[in-house]
Amino acid sequence: MHYDPSAALARIDKDTGLMTLLITVFIKECPKYISKLQAACDNQDLHALGDAAHNVKGASAAIGLDVASSLAEELEVACRQSGVKSIASFETSTARLVDILTQCPEFLNVWIKSNP
């Protein structure tokens, strides 16, 4: 997976120390994000799924993890649409987001190591 935090770094005046801190927190929180997404699907809870996607959207945007942020935003918007009653149509998107969150600590740690 490609990771280029250039835009996120520009927003924080290219402070790599701060970016490293943000990424470290994100990595630490990934298991919680995954757990909340999976629990919302398991419980067929659209509101909880929308909330979990919202959290992932903000956190991933802060570190420039655009693929996760975009997918989380799509998922959040879909969950918030009026008239949606079934979570079944969101299970594939949720699984894809969980997959990204599962993989990202590896390449985020690579970025941290190469930007001391």
PDB file of N, CA and C in Angstrom:
ATOM      1  N   MET A   1       0.847  -1.174   0.000  1.00  0.00           N
ATOM      2  CA  MET A   1       0.000   0.000   0.000  1.00  0.00           C
ATOM      3  C   MET A   1       0.897   1.244   0.000  1.00  0.00           C
ATOM      4  N   HIS A   2       0.503   2.216  -0.781  1.00  0.00           N
ATOM      5  CA  HIS A   2       1.274   3.452  -0.889  1.00  0.00           C
ATOM      6  C   HIS A   2       0.884   4.420   0.231  1.00  0.00           C
ATOM      7  N   TYR A   3       1.878   4.993   0.880  1.00  0.00           N
ATOM      8  CA  TYR A   3       1.627   5.974   1.937  1.00  0.00           C
ATOM      9  C   TYR A   3       2.494   7.196   1.699  1.00  0.00           C
ATOM     10  N   ASP A   4       1.837   8.316   1.481  1.00  0.00           N
ATOM     11  CA  ASP A   4       2.535   9.578   1.265  1.00  0.00           C
ATOM     12  C   ASP A   4       1.859  10.646   2.116  1.00  0.00           C
ATOM     13  N   PRO A   5       2.442  10.960   3.268  1.00  0.00           N
ATOM     14  CA  PRO A   5       1.817  11.927   4.164  1.00  0.00           C
ATOM     15  C   PRO A   5       2.178  13.384   3.863  1.00  0.00           C
ATOM     16  N   SER A   6       2.603  13.681   2.639  1.00  0.00           N
ATOM     17  CA  SER A   6       3.062  15.033   2.299  1.00  0.00           C
ATOM     18  C   SER A   6       2.046  16.113   2.656  1.00  0.00           C
ATOM     19  N   ALA A   7       0.794  15.911   2.275  1.00  0.00           N
ATOM     20  CA  ALA A   7      -0.232  16.917   2.560  1.00  0.00           C
ATOM     21  C   ALA A   7      -0.459  17.057   4.064  1.00  0.00           C
ATOM     22  N   ALA A   8      -0.483  15.935   4.771  1.00  0.00           N
ATOM     23  CA  ALA A   8      -0.664  15.982   6.225  1.00  0.00           C
ATOM     24  C   ALA A   8       0.514  16.686   6.888  1.00  0.00           C
ATOM     25  N   LEU A   9       1.713  16.410   6.415  1.00  0.00           N
ATOM     26  CA  LEU A   9       2.909  17.080   6.950  1.00  0.00           C
ATOM     27  C   LEU A   9       2.859  18.582   6.688  1.00  0.00           C
ATOM     28  N   ALA A  10       2.384  18.963   5.518  1.00  0.00           N
ATOM     29  CA  ALA A  10       2.282  20.392   5.195  1.00  0.00           C
ATOM     30  C   ALA A  10       1.325  21.104   6.155  1.00  0.00           C
ATOM     31  N   ARG A  11       0.262  20.413   6.549  1.00  0.00           N
ATOM     32  CA  ARG A  11      -0.711  21.013   7.482  1.00  0.00           C
ATOM     33  C   ARG A  11      -0.114  21.247   8.866  1.00  0.00           C
ATOM     34  N   ILE A  12       0.939  20.514   9.198  1.00  0.00           N
ATOM     35  CA  ILE A  12       1.561  20.678  10.527  1.00  0.00           C
ATOM     36  C   ILE A  12       2.980  21.233  10.398  1.00  0.00           C
ATOM     37  N   ASP A  13       3.179  22.058   9.382  1.00  0.00           N
ATOM     38  CA  ASP A  13       4.464  22.736   9.158  1.00  0.00           C
ATOM     39  C   ASP A  13       5.641  21.774   9.070  1.00  0.00           C
ATOM     40  N   LYS A  14       5.412  20.627   8.457  1.00  0.00           N
ATOM     41  CA  LYS A  14       6.457  19.616   8.218  1.00  0.00           C
ATOM     42  C   LYS A  14       7.157  19.152   9.495  1.00  0.00           C
ATOM     43  N   ASP A  15       6.408  19.144  10.570  1.00  0.00           N
ATOM     44  CA  ASP A  15       6.929  18.708  11.869  1.00  0.00           C
ATOM     45  C   ASP A  15       6.895  17.177  11.925  1.00  0.00           C
ATOM     46  N   THR A  16       8.018  16.558  11.554  1.00  0.00           N
ATOM     47  CA  THR A  16       8.061  15.092  11.524  1.00  0.00           C
ATOM     48  C   THR A  16       7.931  14.480  12.918  1.00  0.00           C
ATOM     49  N   GLY A  17       8.359  15.203  13.939  1.00  0.00           N
ATOM     50  CA  GLY A  17       8.193  14.707  15.304  1.00  0.00           C
ATOM     51  C   GLY A  17       6.726  14.588  15.671  1.00  0.00           C
ATOM     52  N   LEU A  18       5.955  15.610  15.309  1.00  0.00           N
ATOM     53  CA  LEU A  18       4.522  15.571  15.571  1.00  0.00           C
ATOM     54  C   LEU A  18       3.859  14.487  14.728  1.00  0.00           C
ATOM     55  N   MET A  19       4.265  14.359  13.470  1.00  0.00           N
ATOM     56  CA  MET A  19       3.696  13.318  12.613  1.00  0.00           C
ATOM     57  C   MET A  19       3.993  11.938  13.181  1.00  0.00           C
ATOM     58  N   THR A  20       5.199  11.751  13.665  1.00  0.00           N
ATOM     59  CA  THR A  20       5.558  10.469  14.282  1.00  0.00           C
ATOM     60  C   THR A  20       4.655  10.186  15.482  1.00  0.00           C
ATOM     61  N   LEU A  21       4.398  11.194  16.281  1.00  0.00           N
ATOM     62  CA  LEU A  21       3.507  11.029  17.430  1.00  0.00           C
ATOM     63  C   LEU A  21       2.093  10.670  16.972  1.00  0.00           C
ATOM     64  N   LEU A  22       1.582  11.382  15.980  1.00  0.00           N
ATOM     65  CA  LEU A  22       0.236  11.102  15.468  1.00  0.00           C
ATOM     66  C   LEU A  22       0.140   9.680  14.910  1.00  0.00           C
ATOM     67  N   ILE A  23       1.154   9.275  14.175  1.00  0.00           N
ATOM     68  CA  ILE A  23       1.159   7.927  13.605  1.00  0.00           C
ATOM     69  C   ILE A  23       1.237   6.876  14.706  1.00  0.00           C
ATOM     70  N   THR A  24       2.057   7.128  15.714  1.00  0.00           N
ATOM     71  CA  THR A  24       2.186   6.191  16.831  1.00  0.00           C
ATOM     72  C   THR A  24       0.853   6.006  17.547  1.00  0.00           C
ATOM     73  N   VAL A  25       0.147   7.101  17.777  1.00  0.00           N
ATOM     74  CA  VAL A  25      -1.172   7.021  18.411  1.00  0.00           C
ATOM     75  C   VAL A  25      -2.144   6.267  17.503  1.00  0.00           C
ATOM     76  N   PHE A  26      -2.103   6.568  16.201  1.00  0.00           N
ATOM     77  CA  PHE A  26      -2.981   5.886  15.256  1.00  0.00           C
ATOM     78  C   PHE A  26      -2.743   4.381  15.287  1.00  0.00           C
ATOM     79  N   ILE A  27      -1.489   3.975  15.249  1.00  0.00           N
ATOM     80  CA  ILE A  27      -1.159   2.546  15.292  1.00  0.00           C
ATOM     81  C   ILE A  27      -1.694   1.907  16.575  1.00  0.00           C
ATOM     82  N   LYS A  28      -1.533   2.603  17.675  1.00  0.00           N
ATOM     83  CA  LYS A  28      -2.012   2.088  18.963  1.00  0.00           C
ATOM     84  C   LYS A  28      -3.539   1.934  18.966  1.00  0.00           C
ATOM     85  N   GLU A  29      -4.220   2.850  18.283  1.00  0.00           N
ATOM     86  CA  GLU A  29      -5.680   2.836  18.266  1.00  0.00           C
ATOM     87  C   GLU A  29      -6.269   1.887  17.222  1.00  0.00           C
ATOM     88  N   CYS A  30      -5.478   1.445  16.260  1.00  0.00           N
ATOM     89  CA  CYS A  30      -5.994   0.575  15.184  1.00  0.00           C
ATOM     90  C   CYS A  30      -6.790  -0.628  15.691  1.00  0.00           C
ATOM     91  N   PRO A  31      -6.297  -1.363  16.669  1.00  0.00           N
ATOM     92  CA  PRO A  31      -7.103  -2.500  17.152  1.00  0.00           C
ATOM     93  C   PRO A  31      -8.481  -2.077  17.680  1.00  0.00           C
ATOM     94  N   LYS A  32      -8.558  -0.917  18.303  1.00  0.00           N
ATOM     95  CA  LYS A  32      -9.851  -0.422  18.796  1.00  0.00           C
ATOM     96  C   LYS A  32     -10.768  -0.053  17.642  1.00  0.00           C
ATOM     97  N   TYR A  33     -10.203   0.606  16.619  1.00  0.00           N
ATOM     98  CA  TYR A  33     -11.005   0.941  15.441  1.00  0.00           C
ATOM     99  C   TYR A  33     -11.567  -0.324  14.801  1.00  0.00           C
ATOM    100  N   ILE A  34     -10.705  -1.306  14.641  1.00  0.00           N
ATOM    101  CA  ILE A  34     -11.112  -2.569  14.016  1.00  0.00           C
ATOM    102  C   ILE A  34     -12.200  -3.239  14.850  1.00  0.00           C
ATOM    103  N   SER A  35     -12.000  -3.283  16.142  1.00  0.00           N
ATOM    104  CA  SER A  35     -12.974  -3.909  17.038  1.00  0.00           C
ATOM    105  C   SER A  35     -14.338  -3.226  16.953  1.00  0.00           C
ATOM    106  N   LYS A  36     -14.348  -1.909  16.933  1.00  0.00           N
ATOM    107  CA  LYS A  36     -15.621  -1.178  16.866  1.00  0.00           C
ATOM    108  C   LYS A  36     -16.314  -1.381  15.532  1.00  0.00           C
ATOM    109  N   LEU A  37     -15.546  -1.401  14.446  1.00  0.00           N
ATOM    110  CA  LEU A  37     -16.147  -1.648  13.133  1.00  0.00           C
ATOM    111  C   LEU A  37     -16.757  -3.049  13.079  1.00  0.00           C
ATOM    112  N   GLN A  38     -16.003  -4.033  13.545  1.00  0.00           N
ATOM    113  CA  GLN A  38     -16.489  -5.414  13.514  1.00  0.00           C
ATOM    114  C   GLN A  38     -17.684  -5.615  14.438  1.00  0.00           C
ATOM    115  N   ALA A  39     -17.640  -5.024  15.619  1.00  0.00           N
ATOM    116  CA  ALA A  39     -18.756  -5.164  16.559  1.00  0.00           C
ATOM    117  C   ALA A  39     -20.028  -4.532  15.996  1.00  0.00           C
ATOM    118  N   ALA A  40     -19.890  -3.400  15.344  1.00  0.00           N
ATOM    119  CA  ALA A  40     -21.057  -2.743  14.754  1.00  0.00           C
ATOM    120  C   ALA A  40     -21.682  -3.633  13.677  1.00  0.00           C
ATOM    121  N   CYS A  41     -20.842  -4.253  12.856  1.00  0.00           N
ATOM    122  CA  CYS A  41     -21.362  -5.178  11.842  1.00  0.00           C
ATOM    123  C   CYS A  41     -22.004  -6.398  12.487  1.00  0.00           C
ATOM    124  N   ASP A  42     -21.316  -6.972  13.456  1.00  0.00           N
ATOM    125  CA  ASP A  42     -21.854  -8.156  14.134  1.00  0.00           C
ATOM    126  C   ASP A  42     -23.208  -7.873  14.786  1.00  0.00           C
ATOM    127  N   ASN A  43     -23.345  -6.661  15.327  1.00  0.00           N
ATOM    128  CA  ASN A  43     -24.579  -6.276  16.010  1.00  0.00           C
ATOM    129  C   ASN A  43     -25.600  -5.632  15.081  1.00  0.00           C
ATOM    130  N   GLN A  44     -25.250  -5.543  13.797  1.00  0.00           N
ATOM    131  CA  GLN A  44     -26.140  -4.914  12.818  1.00  0.00           C
ATOM    132  C   GLN A  44     -26.563  -3.508  13.253  1.00  0.00           C
ATOM    133  N   ASP A  45     -25.590  -2.750  13.780  1.00  0.00           N
ATOM    134  CA  ASP A  45     -25.860  -1.424  14.335  1.00  0.00           C
ATOM    135  C   ASP A  45     -25.319  -0.340  13.392  1.00  0.00           C
ATOM    136  N   LEU A  46     -26.203   0.206  12.570  1.00  0.00           N
ATOM    137  CA  LEU A  46     -25.812   1.241  11.607  1.00  0.00           C
ATOM    138  C   LEU A  46     -25.262   2.488  12.281  1.00  0.00           C
ATOM    139  N   HIS A  47     -25.869   2.883  13.377  1.00  0.00           N
ATOM    140  CA  HIS A  47     -25.406   4.082  14.088  1.00  0.00           C
ATOM    141  C   HIS A  47     -23.970   3.895  14.596  1.00  0.00           C
ATOM    142  N   ALA A  48     -23.710   2.752  15.213  1.00  0.00           N
ATOM    143  CA  ALA A  48     -22.364   2.466  15.721  1.00  0.00           C
ATOM    144  C   ALA A  48     -21.360   2.348  14.579  1.00  0.00           C
ATOM    145  N   LEU A  49     -21.776   1.781  13.456  1.00  0.00           N
ATOM    146  CA  LEU A  49     -20.887   1.667  12.303  1.00  0.00           C
ATOM    147  C   LEU A  49     -20.549   3.050  11.756  1.00  0.00           C
ATOM    148  N   GLY A  50     -21.539   3.915  11.687  1.00  0.00           N
ATOM    149  CA  GLY A  50     -21.296   5.286  11.242  1.00  0.00           C
ATOM    150  C   GLY A  50     -20.351   6.023  12.176  1.00  0.00           C
ATOM    151  N   ASP A  51     -20.539   5.830  13.475  1.00  0.00           N
ATOM    152  CA  ASP A  51     -19.651   6.466  14.462  1.00  0.00           C
ATOM    153  C   ASP A  51     -18.218   5.939  14.344  1.00  0.00           C
ATOM    154  N   ALA A  52     -18.083   4.627  14.201  1.00  0.00           N
ATOM    155  CA  ALA A  52     -16.749   4.031  14.081  1.00  0.00           C
ATOM    156  C   ALA A  52     -16.060   4.514  12.808  1.00  0.00           C
ATOM    157  N   ALA A  53     -16.801   4.577  11.712  1.00  0.00           N
ATOM    158  CA  ALA A  53     -16.238   5.061  10.454  1.00  0.00           C
ATOM    159  C   ALA A  53     -15.829   6.530  10.583  1.00  0.00           C
ATOM    160  N   HIS A  54     -16.627   7.308  11.277  1.00  0.00           N
ATOM    161  CA  HIS A  54     -16.302   8.720  11.506  1.00  0.00           C
ATOM    162  C   HIS A  54     -14.969   8.859  12.245  1.00  0.00           C
ATOM    163  N   ASN A  55     -14.771   8.061  13.269  1.00  0.00           N
ATOM    164  CA  ASN A  55     -13.525   8.105  14.039  1.00  0.00           C
ATOM    165  C   ASN A  55     -12.322   7.738  13.175  1.00  0.00           C
ATOM    166  N   VAL A  56     -12.468   6.693  12.367  1.00  0.00           N
ATOM    167  CA  VAL A  56     -11.385   6.272  11.485  1.00  0.00           C
ATOM    168  C   VAL A  56     -11.106   7.363  10.450  1.00  0.00           C
ATOM    169  N   LYS A  57     -12.156   7.960   9.934  1.00  0.00           N
ATOM    170  CA  LYS A  57     -12.005   9.019   8.933  1.00  0.00           C
ATOM    171  C   LYS A  57     -11.127  10.152   9.458  1.00  0.00           C
ATOM    172  N   GLY A  58     -11.435  10.647  10.628  1.00  0.00           N
ATOM    173  CA  GLY A  58     -10.676  11.760  11.192  1.00  0.00           C
ATOM    174  C   GLY A  58      -9.248  11.400  11.528  1.00  0.00           C
ATOM    175  N   ALA A  59      -9.074  10.254  12.150  1.00  0.00           N
ATOM    176  CA  ALA A  59      -7.729   9.845  12.565  1.00  0.00           C
ATOM    177  C   ALA A  59      -6.840   9.554  11.360  1.00  0.00           C
ATOM    178  N   SER A  60      -7.391   8.895  10.363  1.00  0.00           N
ATOM    179  CA  SER A  60      -6.577   8.574   9.191  1.00  0.00           C
ATOM    180  C   SER A  60      -6.295   9.815   8.354  1.00  0.00           C
ATOM    181  N   ALA A  61      -7.220  10.752   8.308  1.00  0.00           N
ATOM    182  CA  ALA A  61      -6.984  12.010   7.594  1.00  0.00           C
ATOM    183  C   ALA A  61      -5.863  12.800   8.258  1.00  0.00           C
ATOM    184  N   ALA A  62      -5.815  12.759   9.575  1.00  0.00           N
ATOM    185  CA  ALA A  62      -4.788  13.510  10.309  1.00  0.00           C
ATOM    186  C   ALA A  62      -3.380  13.056   9.972  1.00  0.00           C
ATOM    187  N   ILE A  63      -3.224  11.795   9.614  1.00  0.00           N
ATOM    188  CA  ILE A  63      -1.885  11.289   9.289  1.00  0.00           C
ATOM    189  C   ILE A  63      -1.673  11.122   7.783  1.00  0.00           C
ATOM    190  N   GLY A  64      -2.657  11.519   6.995  1.00  0.00           N
ATOM    191  CA  GLY A  64      -2.512  11.436   5.551  1.00  0.00           C
ATOM    192  C   GLY A  64      -2.716  10.048   4.981  1.00  0.00           C
ATOM    193  N   LEU A  65      -3.448   9.221   5.691  1.00  0.00           N
ATOM    194  CA  LEU A  65      -3.752   7.874   5.208  1.00  0.00           C
ATOM    195  C   LEU A  65      -5.050   7.975   4.392  1.00  0.00           C
ATOM    196  N   ASP A  66      -4.895   8.505   3.188  1.00  0.00           N
ATOM    197  CA  ASP A  66      -6.036   8.900   2.372  1.00  0.00           C
ATOM    198  C   ASP A  66      -6.953   7.747   1.984  1.00  0.00           C
ATOM    199  N   VAL A  67      -6.398   6.605   1.682  1.00  0.00           N
ATOM    200  CA  VAL A  67      -7.229   5.476   1.271  1.00  0.00           C
ATOM    201  C   VAL A  67      -8.192   5.080   2.391  1.00  0.00           C
ATOM    202  N   ALA A  68      -7.736   5.068   3.616  1.00  0.00           N
ATOM    203  CA  ALA A  68      -8.602   4.731   4.753  1.00  0.00           C
ATOM    204  C   ALA A  68      -9.583   5.856   5.032  1.00  0.00           C
ATOM    205  N   SER A  69      -9.120   7.089   4.957  1.00  0.00           N
ATOM    206  CA  SER A  69      -9.990   8.227   5.212  1.00  0.00           C
ATOM    207  C   SER A  69     -11.140   8.288   4.214  1.00  0.00           C
ATOM    208  N   SER A  70     -10.838   8.103   2.947  1.00  0.00           N
ATOM    209  CA  SER A  70     -11.875   8.153   1.903  1.00  0.00           C
ATOM    210  C   SER A  70     -12.893   7.026   2.067  1.00  0.00           C
ATOM    211  N   LEU A  71     -12.403   5.835   2.303  1.00  0.00           N
ATOM    212  CA  LEU A  71     -13.304   4.697   2.476  1.00  0.00           C
ATOM    213  C   LEU A  71     -14.161   4.875   3.726  1.00  0.00           C
ATOM    214  N   ALA A  72     -13.561   5.341   4.799  1.00  0.00           N
ATOM    215  CA  ALA A  72     -14.311   5.571   6.042  1.00  0.00           C
ATOM    216  C   ALA A  72     -15.377   6.648   5.840  1.00  0.00           C
ATOM    217  N   GLU A  73     -15.041   7.686   5.086  1.00  0.00           N
ATOM    218  CA  GLU A  73     -16.017   8.746   4.820  1.00  0.00           C
ATOM    219  C   GLU A  73     -17.205   8.207   4.017  1.00  0.00           C
ATOM    220  N   GLU A  74     -16.922   7.426   2.988  1.00  0.00           N
ATOM    221  CA  GLU A  74     -18.001   6.820   2.194  1.00  0.00           C
ATOM    222  C   GLU A  74     -18.894   5.950   3.077  1.00  0.00           C
ATOM    223  N   LEU A  75     -18.275   5.179   3.937  1.00  0.00           N
ATOM    224  CA  LEU A  75     -19.020   4.300   4.832  1.00  0.00           C
ATOM    225  C   LEU A  75     -19.866   5.106   5.814  1.00  0.00           C
ATOM    226  N   GLU A  76     -19.278   6.146   6.381  1.00  0.00           N
ATOM    227  CA  GLU A  76     -20.019   6.990   7.323  1.00  0.00           C
ATOM    228  C   GLU A  76     -21.234   7.620   6.652  1.00  0.00           C
ATOM    229  N   VAL A  77     -21.038   8.206   5.487  1.00  0.00           N
ATOM    230  CA  VAL A  77     -22.135   8.865   4.775  1.00  0.00           C
ATOM    231  C   VAL A  77     -23.239   7.863   4.448  1.00  0.00           C
ATOM    232  N   ALA A  78     -22.850   6.693   3.985  1.00  0.00           N
ATOM    233  CA  ALA A  78     -23.830   5.666   3.652  1.00  0.00           C
ATOM    234  C   ALA A  78     -24.641   5.240   4.880  1.00  0.00           C
ATOM    235  N   CYS A  79     -23.980   5.114   6.004  1.00  0.00           N
ATOM    236  CA  CYS A  79     -24.675   4.717   7.231  1.00  0.00           C
ATOM    237  C   CYS A  79     -25.638   5.788   7.733  1.00  0.00           C
ATOM    238  N   ARG A  80     -25.334   7.033   7.436  1.00  0.00           N
ATOM    239  CA  ARG A  80     -26.145   8.146   7.934  1.00  0.00           C
ATOM    240  C   ARG A  80     -27.334   8.475   7.023  1.00  0.00           C
ATOM    241  N   GLN A  81     -27.382   7.880   5.833  1.00  0.00           N
ATOM    242  CA  GLN A  81     -28.478   8.178   4.912  1.00  0.00           C
ATOM    243  C   GLN A  81     -29.798   7.721   5.507  1.00  0.00           C
ATOM    244  N   SER A  82     -30.790   8.577   5.369  1.00  0.00           N
ATOM    245  CA  SER A  82     -32.097   8.191   5.899  1.00  0.00           C
ATOM    246  C   SER A  82     -32.686   7.089   5.027  1.00  0.00           C
ATOM    247  N   GLY A  83     -33.395   6.232   5.648  1.00  0.00           N
ATOM    248  CA  GLY A  83     -34.025   5.138   4.932  1.00  0.00           C
ATOM    249  C   GLY A  83     -33.204   3.868   4.891  1.00  0.00           C
ATOM    250  N   VAL A  84     -31.932   3.939   5.232  1.00  0.00           N
ATOM    251  CA  VAL A  84     -31.100   2.738   5.231  1.00  0.00           C
ATOM    252  C   VAL A  84     -31.459   1.908   6.456  1.00  0.00           C
ATOM    253  N   LYS A  85     -31.805   0.666   6.220  1.00  0.00           N
ATOM    254  CA  LYS A  85     -32.238  -0.173   7.340  1.00  0.00           C
ATOM    255  C   LYS A  85     -31.365  -1.402   7.545  1.00  0.00           C
ATOM    256  N   SER A  86     -30.565  -1.744   6.542  1.00  0.00           N
ATOM    257  CA  SER A  86     -29.767  -2.966   6.632  1.00  0.00           C
ATOM    258  C   SER A  86     -28.289  -2.652   6.529  1.00  0.00           C
ATOM    259  N   ILE A  87     -27.542  -3.327   7.345  1.00  0.00           N
ATOM    260  CA  ILE A  87     -26.090  -3.146   7.349  1.00  0.00           C
ATOM    261  C   ILE A  87     -25.407  -4.068   6.331  1.00  0.00           C
ATOM    262  N   ALA A  88     -26.154  -5.004   5.789  1.00  0.00           N
ATOM    263  CA  ALA A  88     -25.576  -6.011   4.890  1.00  0.00           C
ATOM    264  C   ALA A  88     -24.827  -5.385   3.719  1.00  0.00           C
ATOM    265  N   SER A  89     -25.341  -4.292   3.183  1.00  0.00           N
ATOM    266  CA  SER A  89     -24.698  -3.665   2.026  1.00  0.00           C
ATOM    267  C   SER A  89     -23.378  -2.994   2.382  1.00  0.00           C
ATOM    268  N   PHE A  90     -23.092  -2.848   3.656  1.00  0.00           N
ATOM    269  CA  PHE A  90     -21.866  -2.179   4.093  1.00  0.00           C
ATOM    270  C   PHE A  90     -20.790  -3.152   4.567  1.00  0.00           C
ATOM    271  N   GLU A  91     -21.107  -4.416   4.591  1.00  0.00           N
ATOM    272  CA  GLU A  91     -20.153  -5.396   5.130  1.00  0.00           C
ATOM    273  C   GLU A  91     -18.884  -5.500   4.286  1.00  0.00           C
ATOM    274  N   THR A  92     -19.004  -5.380   2.970  1.00  0.00           N
ATOM    275  CA  THR A  92     -17.827  -5.449   2.110  1.00  0.00           C
ATOM    276  C   THR A  92     -16.927  -4.245   2.330  1.00  0.00           C
ATOM    277  N   SER A  93     -17.522  -3.047   2.393  1.00  0.00           N
ATOM    278  CA  SER A  93     -16.740  -1.833   2.644  1.00  0.00           C
ATOM    279  C   SER A  93     -16.082  -1.877   4.017  1.00  0.00           C
ATOM    280  N   THR A  94     -16.814  -2.378   4.983  1.00  0.00           N
ATOM    281  CA  THR A  94     -16.266  -2.486   6.338  1.00  0.00           C
ATOM    282  C   THR A  94     -15.100  -3.466   6.354  1.00  0.00           C
ATOM    283  N   ALA A  95     -15.256  -4.596   5.690  1.00  0.00           N
ATOM    284  CA  ALA A  95     -14.176  -5.587   5.633  1.00  0.00           C
ATOM    285  C   ALA A  95     -12.935  -4.998   4.945  1.00  0.00           C
ATOM    286  N   ARG A  96     -13.139  -4.216   3.907  1.00  0.00           N
ATOM    287  CA  ARG A  96     -12.012  -3.585   3.213  1.00  0.00           C
ATOM    288  C   ARG A  96     -11.305  -2.587   4.134  1.00  0.00           C
ATOM    289  N   LEU A  97     -12.089  -1.803   4.875  1.00  0.00           N
ATOM    290  CA  LEU A  97     -11.503  -0.840   5.802  1.00  0.00           C
ATOM    291  C   LEU A  97     -10.740  -1.553   6.911  1.00  0.00           C
ATOM    292  N   VAL A  98     -11.297  -2.616   7.422  1.00  0.00           N
ATOM    293  CA  VAL A  98     -10.614  -3.415   8.455  1.00  0.00           C
ATOM    294  C   VAL A  98      -9.304  -3.972   7.897  1.00  0.00           C
ATOM    295  N   ASP A  99      -9.327  -4.425   6.667  1.00  0.00           N
ATOM    296  CA  ASP A  99      -8.115  -4.943   6.036  1.00  0.00           C
ATOM    297  C   ASP A  99      -7.034  -3.864   5.945  1.00  0.00           C
ATOM    298  N   ILE A 100      -7.419  -2.672   5.544  1.00  0.00           N
ATOM    299  CA  ILE A 100      -6.463  -1.558   5.468  1.00  0.00           C
ATOM    300  C   ILE A 100      -5.889  -1.259   6.846  1.00  0.00           C
ATOM    301  N   LEU A 101      -6.756  -1.195   7.849  1.00  0.00           N
ATOM    302  CA  LEU A 101      -6.301  -0.899   9.212  1.00  0.00           C
ATOM    303  C   LEU A 101      -5.401  -2.003   9.760  1.00  0.00           C
ATOM    304  N   THR A 102      -5.623  -3.215   9.336  1.00  0.00           N
ATOM    305  CA  THR A 102      -4.785  -4.331   9.768  1.00  0.00           C
ATOM    306  C   THR A 102      -3.395  -4.241   9.151  1.00  0.00           C
ATOM    307  N   GLN A 103      -3.325  -3.815   7.899  1.00  0.00           N
ATOM    308  CA  GLN A 103      -2.052  -3.724   7.186  1.00  0.00           C
ATOM    309  C   GLN A 103      -1.245  -2.471   7.516  1.00  0.00           C
ATOM    310  N   CYS A 104      -1.904  -1.392   7.864  1.00  0.00           N
ATOM    311  CA  CYS A 104      -1.224  -0.098   7.943  1.00  0.00           C
ATOM    312  C   CYS A 104      -0.135   0.013   9.013  1.00  0.00           C
ATOM    313  N   PRO A 105      -0.209  -0.642  10.158  1.00  0.00           N
ATOM    314  CA  PRO A 105       0.897  -0.481  11.112  1.00  0.00           C
ATOM    315  C   PRO A 105       2.264  -0.830  10.516  1.00  0.00           C
ATOM    316  N   GLU A 106       2.293  -1.816   9.633  1.00  0.00           N
ATOM    317  CA  GLU A 106       3.566  -2.220   9.041  1.00  0.00           C
ATOM    318  C   GLU A 106       4.188  -1.083   8.225  1.00  0.00           C
ATOM    319  N   PHE A 107       3.456  -0.498   7.296  1.00  0.00           N
ATOM    320  CA  PHE A 107       4.060   0.554   6.482  1.00  0.00           C
ATOM    321  C   PHE A 107       4.145   1.885   7.215  1.00  0.00           C
ATOM    322  N   LEU A 108       3.300   2.103   8.205  1.00  0.00           N
ATOM    323  CA  LEU A 108       3.437   3.319   9.013  1.00  0.00           C
ATOM    324  C   LEU A 108       4.703   3.256   9.857  1.00  0.00           C
ATOM    325  N   ASN A 109       4.999   2.081  10.382  1.00  0.00           N
ATOM    326  CA  ASN A 109       6.255   1.927  11.141  1.00  0.00           C
ATOM    327  C   ASN A 109       7.474   2.105  10.251  1.00  0.00           C
ATOM    328  N   VAL A 110       7.378   1.696   9.004  1.00  0.00           N
ATOM    329  CA  VAL A 110       8.468   1.929   8.061  1.00  0.00           C
ATOM    330  C   VAL A 110       8.699   3.431   7.898  1.00  0.00           C
ATOM    331  N   TRP A 111       7.617   4.194   7.773  1.00  0.00           N
ATOM    332  CA  TRP A 111       7.737   5.642   7.634  1.00  0.00           C
ATOM    333  C   TRP A 111       8.398   6.235   8.885  1.00  0.00           C
ATOM    334  N   ILE A 112       7.962   5.803  10.056  1.00  0.00           N
ATOM    335  CA  ILE A 112       8.543   6.310  11.315  1.00  0.00           C
ATOM    336  C   ILE A 112      10.045   6.045  11.348  1.00  0.00           C
ATOM    337  N   LYS A 113      10.457   4.830  11.005  1.00  0.00           N
ATOM    338  CA  LYS A 113      11.883   4.474  11.045  1.00  0.00           C
ATOM    339  C   LYS A 113      12.713   5.258  10.037  1.00  0.00           C
ATOM    340  N   SER A 114      12.106   5.631   8.927  1.00  0.00           N
ATOM    341  CA  SER A 114      12.867   6.363   7.909  1.00  0.00           C
ATOM    342  C   SER A 114      12.791   7.883   8.084  1.00  0.00           C
ATOM    343  N   ASN A 115      12.072   8.335   9.111  1.00  0.00           N
ATOM    344  CA  ASN A 115      11.957   9.778   9.391  1.00  0.00           C
ATOM    345  C   ASN A 115      12.173  10.057  10.868  1.00  0.00           C
ATOM    346  N   PRO A 116      13.399   9.819  11.334  1.00  0.00           N
ATOM    347  CA  PRO A 116      13.657  10.001  12.776  1.00  0.00           C
ATOM    348  C   PRO A 116      13.623  11.461  13.196  1.00  0.00           C
TER     349      PRO A 116
END
